[in-house]
C-alpha atoms as a PDB file:
ATOM      1  CA  UNK A   1      16.881  -4.041 -19.203  1.00  0.00           C
ATOM      2  CA  UNK A   2      19.538  -2.392 -16.849  1.00  0.00           C
ATOM      3  CA  UNK A   3      19.379   0.789 -19.054  1.00  0.00           C
ATOM      4  CA  UNK A   4      15.645   0.950 -18.621  1.00  0.00           C
ATOM      5  CA  UNK A   5      16.052   0.579 -14.801  1.00  0.00           C
ATOM      6  CA  UNK A   6      18.741   3.146 -14.646  1.00  0.00           C
ATOM      7  CA  UNK A   7      16.633   5.576 -16.687  1.00  0.00           C
ATOM      8  CA  UNK A   8      13.597   5.027 -14.175  1.00  0.00           C
ATOM      9  CA  UNK A   9      15.827   5.798 -11.244  1.00  0.00           C
ATOM     10  CA  UNK A  10      16.925   9.032 -12.816  1.00  0.00           C
ATOM     11  CA  UNK A  11      13.313  10.151 -13.307  1.00  0.00           C
ATOM     12  CA  UNK A  12      12.713   9.242  -9.822  1.00  0.00           C
ATOM     13  CA  UNK A  13      14.623  12.170  -8.560  1.00  0.00           C
ATOM     14  CA  UNK A  14      12.394  15.179 -10.042  1.00  0.00           C
ATOM     15  CA  UNK A  15       9.226  13.166  -9.165  1.00  0.00           C
ATOM     16  CA  UNK A  16      10.250  12.894  -5.431  1.00  0.00           C
ATOM     17  CA  UNK A  17      11.249  16.392  -5.628  1.00  0.00           C
ATOM     18  CA  UNK A  18       7.770  17.354  -6.794  1.00  0.00           C
ATOM     19  CA  UNK A  19       6.151  15.227  -4.241  1.00  0.00           C
ATOM     20  CA  UNK A  20       8.166  17.040  -1.468  1.00  0.00           C
ATOM     21  CA  UNK A  21       7.400  20.594  -2.688  1.00  0.00           C
ATOM     22  CA  UNK A  22       3.671  19.638  -3.042  1.00  0.00           C
ATOM     23  CA  UNK A  23       3.479  17.885   0.450  1.00  0.00           C
ATOM     24  CA  UNK A  24       5.359  20.858   2.028  1.00  0.00           C
ATOM     25  CA  UNK A  25       2.914  23.245   0.509  1.00  0.00           C
ATOM     26  CA  UNK A  26       0.170  21.190   1.819  1.00  0.00           C
ATOM     27  CA  UNK A  27       1.235  21.113   5.003  1.00  0.00           C
ATOM     28  CA  UNK A  28       1.907  24.873   5.327  1.00  0.00           C
ATOM     29  CA  UNK A  29      -1.625  25.629   4.141  1.00  0.00           C
ATOM     30  CA  UNK A  30      -3.279  23.015   6.508  1.00  0.00           C
ATOM     31  CA  UNK A  31      -4.764  24.586   9.636  1.00  0.00           C
ATOM     32  CA  UNK A  32      -3.086  23.846  13.112  1.00  0.00           C
ATOM     33  CA  UNK A  33       0.106  25.178  14.806  1.00  0.00           C
ATOM     34  CA  UNK A  34       2.323  22.113  15.970  1.00  0.00           C
ATOM     35  CA  UNK A  35       3.951  24.451  18.479  1.00  0.00           C
ATOM     36  CA  UNK A  36       0.436  24.862  20.261  1.00  0.00           C
ATOM     37  CA  UNK A  37       0.009  21.115  20.286  1.00  0.00           C
ATOM     38  CA  UNK A  38       3.471  20.510  21.822  1.00  0.00           C
ATOM     39  CA  UNK A  39       2.833  23.136  24.514  1.00  0.00           C
ATOM     40  CA  UNK A  40      -0.670  21.993  25.338  1.00  0.00           C
ATOM     41  CA  UNK A  41      -3.881  23.718  26.301  1.00  0.00           C
ATOM     42  CA  UNK A  42      -2.486  25.293  29.283  1.00  0.00           C
ATOM     43  CA  UNK A  43      -1.188  28.931  29.122  1.00  0.00           C
ATOM     44  CA  UNK A  44       2.583  28.769  28.459  1.00  0.00           C
ATOM     45  CA  UNK A  45       5.011  31.878  28.809  1.00  0.00           C
ATOM     46  CA  UNK A  46       5.535  33.539  25.422  1.00  0.00           C
ATOM     47  CA  UNK A  47       9.313  33.049  25.882  1.00  0.00           C
ATOM     48  CA  UNK A  48       9.119  29.022  26.185  1.00  0.00           C
ATOM     49  CA  UNK A  49       6.768  29.135  22.918  1.00  0.00           C
ATOM     50  CA  UNK A  50       9.338  31.192  21.171  1.00  0.00           C
ATOM     51  CA  UNK A  51      12.000  28.857  22.330  1.00  0.00           C
ATOM     52  CA  UNK A  52      10.155  25.933  21.093  1.00  0.00           C
ATOM     53  CA  UNK A  53       9.347  27.366  17.801  1.00  0.00           C
ATOM     54  CA  UNK A  54      13.072  28.391  17.358  1.00  0.00           C
ATOM     55  CA  UNK A  55      14.254  25.047  18.360  1.00  0.00           C
ATOM     56  CA  UNK A  56      12.354  23.127  15.380  1.00  0.00           C
ATOM     57  CA  UNK A  57      13.058  25.982  12.865  1.00  0.00           C
ATOM     58  CA  UNK A  58       9.275  27.315  12.681  1.00  0.00           C
ATOM     59  CA  UNK A  59      10.338  30.782  13.392  1.00  0.00           C
ATOM     60  CA  UNK A  60      11.773  31.180   9.937  1.00  0.00           C
ATOM     61  CA  UNK A  61       9.960  32.271   6.652  1.00  0.00           C
ATOM     62  CA  UNK A  62       8.187  29.312   4.787  1.00  0.00           C
ATOM     63  CA  UNK A  63      10.757  29.434   1.897  1.00  0.00           C
ATOM     64  CA  UNK A  64      13.627  29.185   4.198  1.00  0.00           C
ATOM     65  CA  UNK A  65      12.057  26.315   5.779  1.00  0.00           C
ATOM     66  CA  UNK A  66      11.519  24.536   2.469  1.00  0.00           C
ATOM     67  CA  UNK A  67      15.005  25.144   1.202  1.00  0.00           C
ATOM     68  CA  UNK A  68      16.408  23.817   4.161  1.00  0.00           C
ATOM     69  CA  UNK A  69      14.029  20.788   4.311  1.00  0.00           C
ATOM     70  CA  UNK A  70      15.031  19.883   0.485  1.00  0.00           C
ATOM     71  CA  UNK A  71      18.592  20.145   1.511  1.00  0.00           C
ATOM     72  CA  UNK A  72      18.259  17.871   4.411  1.00  0.00           C
ATOM     73  CA  UNK A  73      16.327  15.386   2.211  1.00  0.00           C
ATOM     74  CA  UNK A  74      18.843  15.347  -0.507  1.00  0.00           C
ATOM     75  CA  UNK A  75      21.425  14.526   2.273  1.00  0.00           C
ATOM     76  CA  UNK A  76      19.215  11.693   3.471  1.00  0.00           C
ATOM     77  CA  UNK A  77      17.979  13.556   6.703  1.00  0.00           C
ATOM     78  CA  UNK A  78      14.246  13.451   6.728  1.00  0.00           C
ATOM     79  CA  UNK A  79      14.200  15.745   9.729  1.00  0.00           C
ATOM     80  CA  UNK A  80      13.467  15.689  13.404  1.00  0.00           C
ATOM     81  CA  UNK A  81      10.040  14.639  14.842  1.00  0.00           C
ATOM     82  CA  UNK A  82       8.109  17.077  16.779  1.00  0.00           C
ATOM     83  CA  UNK A  83       6.156  14.721  18.922  1.00  0.00           C
ATOM     84  CA  UNK A  84       8.518  11.762  19.254  1.00  0.00           C
ATOM     85  CA  UNK A  85      11.660  13.771  19.718  1.00  0.00           C
ATOM     86  CA  UNK A  86      13.855  11.676  17.461  1.00  0.00           C
ATOM     87  CA  UNK A  87      14.970  11.472  13.824  1.00  0.00           C
ATOM     88  CA  UNK A  88      12.009  10.919  11.534  1.00  0.00           C
ATOM     89  CA  UNK A  89      14.189   8.220   9.748  1.00  0.00           C
ATOM     90  CA  UNK A  90      14.223   6.188  12.902  1.00  0.00           C
ATOM     91  CA  UNK A  91      10.517   6.551  13.560  1.00  0.00           C
ATOM     92  CA  UNK A  92       9.690   5.533  10.255  1.00  0.00           C
ATOM     93  CA  UNK A  93      12.105   2.490  10.393  1.00  0.00           C
ATOM     94  CA  UNK A  94      10.395   1.428  13.670  1.00  0.00           C
ATOM     95  CA  UNK A  95       7.004   1.159  11.723  1.00  0.00           C
ATOM     96  CA  UNK A  96       7.830   0.460   8.298  1.00  0.00           C
ATOM     97  CA  UNK A  97       8.335  -3.310   9.080  1.00  0.00           C
ATOM     98  CA  UNK A  98       4.902  -3.736  10.271  1.00  0.00           C
ATOM     99  CA  UNK A  99       3.355  -2.019   7.226  1.00  0.00           C
ATOM    100  CA  UNK A 100       5.422  -4.015   4.726  1.00  0.00           C
ATOM    101  CA  UNK A 101       4.105  -7.429   6.519  1.00  0.00           C
ATOM    102  CA  UNK A 102       0.719  -6.140   6.107  1.00  0.00           C
ATOM    103  CA  UNK A 103       1.114  -4.879   2.521  1.00  0.00           C
ATOM    104  CA  UNK A 104       2.802  -8.254   1.537  1.00  0.00           C
ATOM    105  CA  UNK A 105       0.101 -10.318   2.904  1.00  0.00           C
ATOM    106  CA  UNK A 106      -2.650  -8.167   1.265  1.00  0.00           C
ATOM    107  CA  UNK A 107      -0.973  -8.182  -1.896  1.00  0.00           C
ATOM    108  CA  UNK A 108      -0.275 -11.767  -1.884  1.00  0.00           C
ATOM    109  CA  UNK A 109      -4.088 -12.237  -1.207  1.00  0.00           C
ATOM    110  CA  UNK A 110      -5.057 -10.013  -4.010  1.00  0.00           C
ATOM    111  CA  UNK A 111      -2.809 -11.460  -6.453  1.00  0.00           C
ATOM    112  CA  UNK A 112      -3.448 -15.241  -6.007  1.00  0.00           C
ATOM    113  CA  UNK A 113      -6.977 -14.925  -5.020  1.00  0.00           C
ATOM    114  CA  UNK A 114      -8.120 -12.428  -7.687  1.00  0.00           C
ATOM    115  CA  UNK A 115      -6.164 -14.204 -10.501  1.00  0.00           C
ATOM    116  CA  UNK A 116      -7.565 -17.718  -9.423  1.00  0.00           C
ATOM    117  CA  UNK A 117     -11.182 -16.583  -9.158  1.00  0.00           C
ATOM    118  CA  UNK A 118     -10.797 -14.248 -12.226  1.00  0.00           C
ATOM    119  CA  UNK A 119      -9.804 -17.518 -14.142  1.00  0.00           C
ATOM    120  CA  UNK A 120     -12.740 -19.412 -12.711  1.00  0.00           C
ATOM    121  CA  UNK A 121     -14.966 -16.878 -13.917  1.00  0.00           C
ATOM    122  CA  UNK A 122     -13.637 -16.292 -17.450  1.00  0.00           C
ATOM    123  CA  UNK A 123     -13.404 -19.957 -18.042  1.00  0.00           C
ATOM    124  CA  UNK A 124     -17.130 -20.206 -17.727  1.00  0.00           C
ATOM    125  CA  UNK A 125     -18.618 -16.856 -18.431  1.00  0.00           C
ATOM    126  CA  UNK A 126     -22.471 -16.681 -17.914  1.00  0.00           C
ATOM    127  CA  UNK A 127     -22.427 -19.680 -15.278  1.00  0.00           C
ATOM    128  CA  UNK A 128     -23.703 -19.575 -11.919  1.00  0.00           C
ATOM    129  CA  UNK A 129     -20.272 -19.551 -10.700  1.00  0.00           C
ATOM    130  CA  UNK A 130     -19.581 -16.361 -12.665  1.00  0.00           C
ATOM    131  CA  UNK A 131     -22.659 -14.484 -11.522  1.00  0.00           C
ATOM    132  CA  UNK A 132     -21.900 -15.094  -7.695  1.00  0.00           C
ATOM    133  CA  UNK A 133     -18.344 -14.241  -8.030  1.00  0.00           C
ATOM    134  CA  UNK A 134     -19.117 -10.826  -9.853  1.00  0.00           C
ATOM    135  CA  UNK A 135     -21.810 -10.065  -7.303  1.00  0.00           C
ATOM    136  CA  UNK A 136     -19.487 -10.695  -4.545  1.00  0.00           C
ATOM    137  CA  UNK A 137     -16.656  -8.815  -6.225  1.00  0.00           C
ATOM    138  CA  UNK A 138     -18.875  -5.753  -6.878  1.00  0.00           C
ATOM    139  CA  UNK A 139     -19.772  -5.803  -3.092  1.00  0.00           C
ATOM    140  CA  UNK A 140     -16.055  -6.218  -2.195  1.00  0.00           C
ATOM    141  CA  UNK A 141     -15.120  -3.298  -4.194  1.00  0.00           C
ATOM    142  CA  UNK A 142     -17.827  -0.962  -2.902  1.00  0.00           C
ATOM    143  CA  UNK A 143     -17.328  -1.648   0.908  1.00  0.00           C
ATOM    144  CA  UNK A 144     -15.560   0.977   2.639  1.00  0.00           C
ATOM    145  CA  UNK A 145     -12.273  -0.286   4.301  1.00  0.00           C
ATOM    146  CA  UNK A 146     -12.963   1.081   7.674  1.00  0.00           C
ATOM    147  CA  UNK A 147     -16.590  -0.273   7.644  1.00  0.00           C
ATOM    148  CA  UNK A 148     -15.487  -3.826   6.689  1.00  0.00           C
ATOM    149  CA  UNK A 149     -12.768  -3.749   9.116  1.00  0.00           C
ATOM    150  CA  UNK A 150     -15.369  -2.925  11.903  1.00  0.00           C
ATOM    151  CA  UNK A 151     -17.794  -5.649  10.500  1.00  0.00           C
ATOM    152  CA  UNK A 152     -14.904  -8.326  10.774  1.00  0.00           C
ATOM    153  CA  UNK A 153     -13.977  -7.234  14.206  1.00  0.00           C
ATOM    154  CA  UNK A 154     -17.668  -7.517  15.492  1.00  0.00           C
ATOM    155  CA  UNK A 155     -18.082 -10.885  13.739  1.00  0.00           C
ATOM    156  CA  UNK A 156     -14.781 -12.761  14.186  1.00  0.00           C
ATOM    157  CA  UNK A 157     -13.392 -10.951  17.208  1.00  0.00           C
ATOM    158  CA  UNK A 158     -15.900 -10.079  19.526  1.00  0.00           C
ATOM    159  CA  UNK A 159     -18.738 -12.517  18.294  1.00  0.00           C
ATOM    160  CA  UNK A 160     -16.697 -15.751  17.672  1.00  0.00           C
ATOM    161  CA  UNK A 161     -13.459 -14.810  19.417  1.00  0.00           C
ATOM    162  CA  UNK A 162     -11.312 -16.466  16.731  1.00  0.00           C
ATOM    163  CA  UNK A 163      -8.903 -13.373  16.183  1.00  0.00           C
ATOM    164  CA  UNK A 164      -7.538 -10.846  18.542  1.00  0.00           C
ATOM    165  CA  UNK A 165      -9.248  -7.469  18.310  1.00  0.00           C
ATOM    166  CA  UNK A 166      -6.087  -5.053  17.943  1.00  0.00           C
ATOM    167  CA  UNK A 167      -2.328  -4.793  17.713  1.00  0.00           C
ATOM    168  CA  UNK A 168       0.521  -6.874  16.240  1.00  0.00           C
ATOM    169  CA  UNK A 169       1.101  -9.159  19.134  1.00  0.00           C
ATOM    170  CA  UNK A 170      -0.247 -10.521  22.377  1.00  0.00           C
ATOM    171  CA  UNK A 171       0.767  -9.101  25.659  1.00  0.00           C
ATOM    172  CA  UNK A 172       0.553 -12.555  27.008  1.00  0.00           C
ATOM    173  CA  UNK A 173       0.455 -15.796  25.268  1.00  0.00           C
ATOM    174  CA  UNK A 174       1.191 -19.277  25.843  1.00  0.00           C
ATOM    175  CA  UNK A 175       4.838 -20.596  25.848  1.00  0.00           C
ATOM    176  CA  UNK A 176       3.814 -23.274  23.426  1.00  0.00           C
ATOM    177  CA  UNK A 177       2.769 -20.407  20.761  1.00  0.00           C
ATOM    178  CA  UNK A 178       5.825 -19.238  18.636  1.00  0.00           C
ATOM    179  CA  UNK A 179       5.866 -15.433  18.358  1.00  0.00           C
ATOM    180  CA  UNK A 180       5.668 -15.852  14.496  1.00  0.00           C
ATOM    181  CA  UNK A 181       2.316 -17.562  14.849  1.00  0.00           C
ATOM    182  CA  UNK A 182       1.002 -14.859  17.255  1.00  0.00           C
ATOM    183  CA  UNK A 183       1.846 -12.166  14.767  1.00  0.00           C
ATOM    184  CA  UNK A 184       0.248 -14.364  11.960  1.00  0.00           C
ATOM    185  CA  UNK A 185      -2.856 -14.762  14.245  1.00  0.00           C
ATOM    186  CA  UNK A 186      -3.328 -10.911  14.504  1.00  0.00           C
ATOM    187  CA  UNK A 187      -2.256 -10.374  10.859  1.00  0.00           C
ATOM    188  CA  UNK A 188      -5.410 -12.380   9.266  1.00  0.00           C
ATOM    189  CA  UNK A 189      -8.148  -9.753   9.777  1.00  0.00           C
ATOM    190  CA  UNK A 190      -6.190  -6.654   8.907  1.00  0.00           C
ATOM    191  CA  UNK A 191      -4.846  -8.509   5.596  1.00  0.00           C
ATOM    192  CA  UNK A 192      -8.145  -9.655   4.635  1.00  0.00           C
ATOM    193  CA  UNK A 193      -9.671  -6.172   5.307  1.00  0.00           C
ATOM    194  CA  UNK A 194      -6.979  -4.275   3.069  1.00  0.00           C
ATOM    195  CA  UNK A 195      -6.952  -6.979   0.546  1.00  0.00           C
ATOM    196  CA  UNK A 196     -10.837  -7.356  -0.162  1.00  0.00           C
ATOM    197  CA  UNK A 197     -11.071  -4.486  -2.353  1.00  0.00           C
ATOM    198  CA  UNK A 198      -8.183  -5.303  -4.498  1.00  0.00           C
ATOM    199  CA  UNK A 199      -9.274  -9.030  -4.741  1.00  0.00           C
ATOM    200  CA  UNK A 200     -12.641  -7.809  -6.187  1.00  0.00           C
ATOM    201  CA  UNK A 201     -10.649  -5.604  -8.734  1.00  0.00           C
ATOM    202  CA  UNK A 202      -8.339  -8.167  -9.845  1.00  0.00           C
ATOM    203  CA  UNK A 203     -11.247 -10.726 -10.348  1.00  0.00           C
ATOM    204  CA  UNK A 204     -13.009  -8.289 -12.487  1.00  0.00           C
ATOM    205  CA  UNK A 205     -10.037  -7.490 -14.741  1.00  0.00           C
ATOM    206  CA  UNK A 206      -8.908 -11.038 -14.999  1.00  0.00           C
ATOM    207  CA  UNK A 207     -12.260 -12.301 -16.035  1.00  0.00           C
ATOM    208  CA  UNK A 208     -12.734  -9.749 -18.518  1.00  0.00           C
ATOM    209  CA  UNK A 209      -9.122 -10.225 -20.056  1.00  0.00           C
ATOM    210  CA  UNK A 210      -9.243 -14.047 -19.941  1.00  0.00           C
ATOM    211  CA  UNK A 211     -12.499 -13.763 -21.817  1.00  0.00           C
ATOM    212  CA  UNK A 212     -10.777 -11.715 -24.491  1.00  0.00           C
ATOM    213  CA  UNK A 213      -7.867 -13.962 -24.659  1.00  0.00           C
ATOM    214  CA  UNK A 214     -10.020 -17.117 -24.678  1.00  0.00           C
ATOM    215  CA  UNK A 215     -11.717 -16.041 -27.944  1.00  0.00           C
ATOM    216  CA  UNK A 216      -8.489 -15.476 -30.010  1.00  0.00           C
ATOM    217  CA  UNK A 217      -7.365 -17.992 -32.522  1.00  0.00           C
ATOM    218  CA  UNK A 218      -4.110 -19.380 -30.944  1.00  0.00           C
ATOM    219  CA  UNK A 219      -6.218 -20.484 -27.954  1.00  0.00           C
ATOM    220  CA  UNK A 220      -8.349 -22.527 -30.419  1.00  0.00           C
ATOM    221  CA  UNK A 221      -5.433 -23.692 -32.152  1.00  0.00           C
ATOM    222  CA  UNK A 222      -3.875 -24.950 -28.964  1.00  0.00           C
ATOM    223  CA  UNK A 223      -6.962 -26.857 -28.045  1.00  0.00           C
ATOM    224  CA  UNK A 224      -7.108 -28.187 -31.712  1.00  0.00           C
ATOM    225  CA  UNK A 225      -3.439 -29.606 -31.328  1.00  0.00           C
ATOM    226  CA  UNK A 226      -4.895 -31.772 -28.462  1.00  0.00           C
ATOM    227  CA  UNK A 227      -3.089 -29.945 -25.586  1.00  0.00           C
ATOM    228  CA  UNK A 228      -4.435 -30.642 -22.116  1.00  0.00           C
ATOM    229  CA  UNK A 229      -7.015 -28.190 -20.876  1.00  0.00           C
ATOM    230  CA  UNK A 230      -4.639 -27.247 -17.960  1.00  0.00           C
ATOM    231  CA  UNK A 231      -1.846 -26.348 -20.203  1.00  0.00           C
ATOM    232  CA  UNK A 232      -4.105 -24.186 -22.738  1.00  0.00           C
ATOM    233  CA  UNK A 233      -5.712 -22.431 -19.707  1.00  0.00           C
ATOM    234  CA  UNK A 234      -2.533 -21.551 -17.583  1.00  0.00           C
ATOM    235  CA  UNK A 235       0.264 -21.531 -20.042  1.00  0.00           C
ATOM    236  CA  UNK A 236      -1.492 -19.901 -23.029  1.00  0.00           C
ATOM    237  CA  UNK A 237      -4.349 -18.096 -21.749  1.00  0.00           C
ATOM    238  CA  UNK A 238      -3.557 -16.787 -18.278  1.00  0.00           C
ATOM    239  CA  UNK A 239      -0.141 -15.865 -19.109  1.00  0.00           C
ATOM    240  CA  UNK A 240      -1.299 -13.389 -21.853  1.00  0.00           C
ATOM    241  CA  UNK A 241      -4.423 -12.319 -19.815  1.00  0.00           C
ATOM    242  CA  UNK A 242      -2.086 -11.101 -16.945  1.00  0.00           C
ATOM    243  CA  UNK A 243      -0.870  -8.189 -18.635  1.00  0.00           C
ATOM    244  CA  UNK A 244      -3.602  -5.766 -17.735  1.00  0.00           C
ATOM    245  CA  UNK A 245      -3.791  -7.336 -14.388  1.00  0.00           C
ATOM    246  CA  UNK A 246      -0.023  -6.750 -13.718  1.00  0.00           C
ATOM    247  CA  UNK A 247      -0.476  -2.986 -14.560  1.00  0.00           C
ATOM    248  CA  UNK A 248      -3.097  -2.305 -12.152  1.00  0.00           C
ATOM    249  CA  UNK A 249      -1.389  -4.590  -9.305  1.00  0.00           C
ATOM    250  CA  UNK A 250       1.703  -2.343  -9.806  1.00  0.00           C
ATOM    251  CA  UNK A 251      -0.314   0.781  -9.247  1.00  0.00           C
ATOM    252  CA  UNK A 252      -2.043  -0.783  -6.107  1.00  0.00           C
ATOM    253  CA  UNK A 253       1.245  -1.747  -4.581  1.00  0.00           C
ATOM    254  CA  UNK A 254       1.575   1.981  -3.729  1.00  0.00           C
ATOM    255  CA  UNK A 255      -1.992   2.304  -3.013  1.00  0.00           C
ATOM    256  CA  UNK A 256      -1.868  -0.377  -0.340  1.00  0.00           C
ATOM    257  CA  UNK A 257       0.166   2.028   1.659  1.00  0.00           C
ATOM    258  CA  UNK A 258      -2.462   4.555   1.540  1.00  0.00           C
ATOM    259  CA  UNK A 259      -5.270   2.090   2.437  1.00  0.00           C
ATOM    260  CA  UNK A 260      -3.214   0.797   5.171  1.00  0.00           C
ATOM    261  CA  UNK A 261      -3.845   4.030   7.052  1.00  0.00           C
ATOM    262  CA  UNK A 262      -7.461   3.302   7.803  1.00  0.00           C
ATOM    263  CA  UNK A 263      -6.803  -0.481   8.000  1.00  0.00           C
ATOM    264  CA  UNK A 264      -4.122   0.159  10.753  1.00  0.00           C
ATOM    265  CA  UNK A 265      -6.312   2.604  12.467  1.00  0.00           C
ATOM    266  CA  UNK A 266      -9.158   0.132  12.760  1.00  0.00           C
ATOM    267  CA  UNK A 267      -7.023  -2.745  13.992  1.00  0.00           C
ATOM    268  CA  UNK A 268      -4.431  -0.524  15.994  1.00  0.00           C
ATOM    269  CA  UNK A 269      -1.644  -2.223  13.733  1.00  0.00           C
ATOM    270  CA  UNK A 270       1.329  -0.549  14.651  1.00  0.00           C
ATOM    271  CA  UNK A 271       2.635   0.457  11.291  1.00  0.00           C
ATOM    272  CA  UNK A 272       3.158   3.375   8.847  1.00  0.00           C
ATOM    273  CA  UNK A 273      -0.386   4.019   8.290  1.00  0.00           C
ATOM    274  CA  UNK A 274      -1.343   4.454  11.935  1.00  0.00           C
ATOM    275  CA  UNK A 275       2.064   6.590  12.306  1.00  0.00           C
ATOM    276  CA  UNK A 276       0.762   9.015   9.443  1.00  0.00           C
ATOM    277  CA  UNK A 277      -2.622   9.145  11.083  1.00  0.00           C
ATOM    278  CA  UNK A 278      -1.048   9.934  14.640  1.00  0.00           C
ATOM    279  CA  UNK A 279       1.326  12.622  13.017  1.00  0.00           C
ATOM    280  CA  UNK A 280      -1.729  14.449  11.606  1.00  0.00           C
ATOM    281  CA  UNK A 281      -3.512  14.465  14.764  1.00  0.00           C
ATOM    282  CA  UNK A 282      -0.262  15.678  16.500  1.00  0.00           C
ATOM    283  CA  UNK A 283       0.776  18.251  13.836  1.00  0.00           C
ATOM    284  CA  UNK A 284       4.216  16.437  13.471  1.00  0.00           C
ATOM    285  CA  UNK A 285       4.914  17.803  10.050  1.00  0.00           C
ATOM    286  CA  UNK A 286       8.460  16.136   9.530  1.00  0.00           C
ATOM    287  CA  UNK A 287       7.048  12.692  10.016  1.00  0.00           C
ATOM    288  CA  UNK A 288       3.960  13.374   7.733  1.00  0.00           C
ATOM    289  CA  UNK A 289       6.298  14.547   4.876  1.00  0.00           C
ATOM    290  CA  UNK A 290       8.475  11.575   5.682  1.00  0.00           C
ATOM    291  CA  UNK A 291       5.606   9.349   5.348  1.00  0.00           C
ATOM    292  CA  UNK A 292       4.358  10.917   2.070  1.00  0.00           C
ATOM    293  CA  UNK A 293       7.778  10.376   0.724  1.00  0.00           C
ATOM    294  CA  UNK A 294       7.837   6.628   1.654  1.00  0.00           C
ATOM    295  CA  UNK A 295       4.406   6.274  -0.045  1.00  0.00           C
ATOM    296  CA  UNK A 296       5.460   7.943  -3.120  1.00  0.00           C
ATOM    297  CA  UNK A 297       8.409   5.791  -3.345  1.00  0.00           C
ATOM    298  CA  UNK A 298       6.440   2.616  -2.826  1.00  0.00           C
ATOM    299  CA  UNK A 299       4.192   3.834  -5.957  1.00  0.00           C
ATOM    300  CA  UNK A 300       7.153   4.451  -8.194  1.00  0.00           C
ATOM    301  CA  UNK A 301       8.511   0.931  -7.192  1.00  0.00           C
ATOM    302  CA  UNK A 302       5.142  -0.731  -7.920  1.00  0.00           C
ATOM    303  CA  UNK A 303       5.120   0.676 -11.270  1.00  0.00           C
ATOM    304  CA  UNK A 304       8.755  -0.305 -12.027  1.00  0.00           C
ATOM    305  CA  UNK A 305       8.173  -4.132 -10.724  1.00  0.00           C
ATOM    306  CA  UNK A 306       5.058  -4.006 -12.809  1.00  0.00           C
ATOM    307  CA  UNK A 307       7.021  -2.995 -15.809  1.00  0.00           C
ATOM    308  CA  UNK A 308       9.949  -5.585 -15.218  1.00  0.00           C
ATOM    309  CA  UNK A 309       7.137  -8.308 -14.864  1.00  0.00           C
ATOM    310  CA  UNK A 310       5.940  -7.596 -18.315  1.00  0.00           C
ATOM    311  CA  UNK A 311       9.362  -8.780 -19.770  1.00  0.00           C
ATOM    312  CA  UNK A 312       8.938 -11.918 -17.573  1.00  0.00           C
ATOM    313  CA  UNK A 313       5.370 -12.757 -18.616  1.00  0.00           C
ATOM    314  CA  UNK A 314       5.581 -11.663 -22.271  1.00  0.00           C
ATOM    315  CA  UNK A 315       9.216 -12.315 -23.825  1.00  0.00           C
ATOM    316  CA  UNK A 316       8.348 -10.117 -26.823  1.00  0.00           C
ATOM    317  CA  UNK A 317       8.622  -7.005 -24.508  1.00  0.00           C
ATOM    318  CA  UNK A 318      12.302  -5.847 -24.775  1.00  0.00           C
ATOM    319  CA  UNK A 319      12.875  -2.327 -23.023  1.00  0.00           C
ATOM    320  CA  UNK A 320      16.357  -1.827 -24.513  1.00  0.00           C
ATOM    321  CA  UNK A 321      14.605  -1.199 -27.815  1.00  0.00           C
ATOM    322  CA  UNK A 322      12.983   1.881 -26.327  1.00  0.00           C
ATOM    323  CA  UNK A 323      16.094   3.638 -25.091  1.00  0.00           C
END
């Protein structure tokens, strides 16, 4: 297992290098000039514009900027933000905690809710429960994130007043309300919005996988031995049906960061997704590239965690034999 993890970390280097090169190329091909955004709409002396361009190294050829940026990233330096006027790594560090909190909550909802509802459908395929959950799952998978978020805001924030409309913390709250509960109160709607699509996906995958596993002979044998239905379902059925679901969940772990861009924008959640969105508006290229790098690492980490989870779920899997 240790050798497998080491190999994955070694392969991470060329993958991240490729993402840096691709991201840099996309940024350079994108329209807009960050210097004009910094200077503003008012006419500025050409000498001042040239000094700003020289300060951030934008006066050099693109290949020089690329080589310099790759070298800085290799040393752990993600550059300097044009808009925030501070190191990119500090800007990302200040927003990463909020995004990880939102991702963890959405991932937990998608995992627990999707697997539990998928098992409920798979145990009785063709029942009214199965039909209702499948229809709801199809609707949840099809709803755009930004539209669902606005619907939840109008219904539960503006209509019923149960949840706050935006932000991560209240500007003023009662002394009897702990800060953690205040953050949790703000977290509910963004987490539900971000998790809905993945809950629906996990329900359909778990249902299909569980129906296939339930038709196998070892499940029939387990019931014939007189084992309790709870043991048959959760120990023998769910454990073997989880493998395809874990694969997709590992991929979705990284996609949650990308999906958080729209969710954090709708709910004004001060996380990495909102930061990437603002950096696009401000043409803050170093922050955009740093955010892309973080998303890439999350995708790779999700895949690695999914592979490691295989060995926990199915003891027959041994990665050392593949070395």
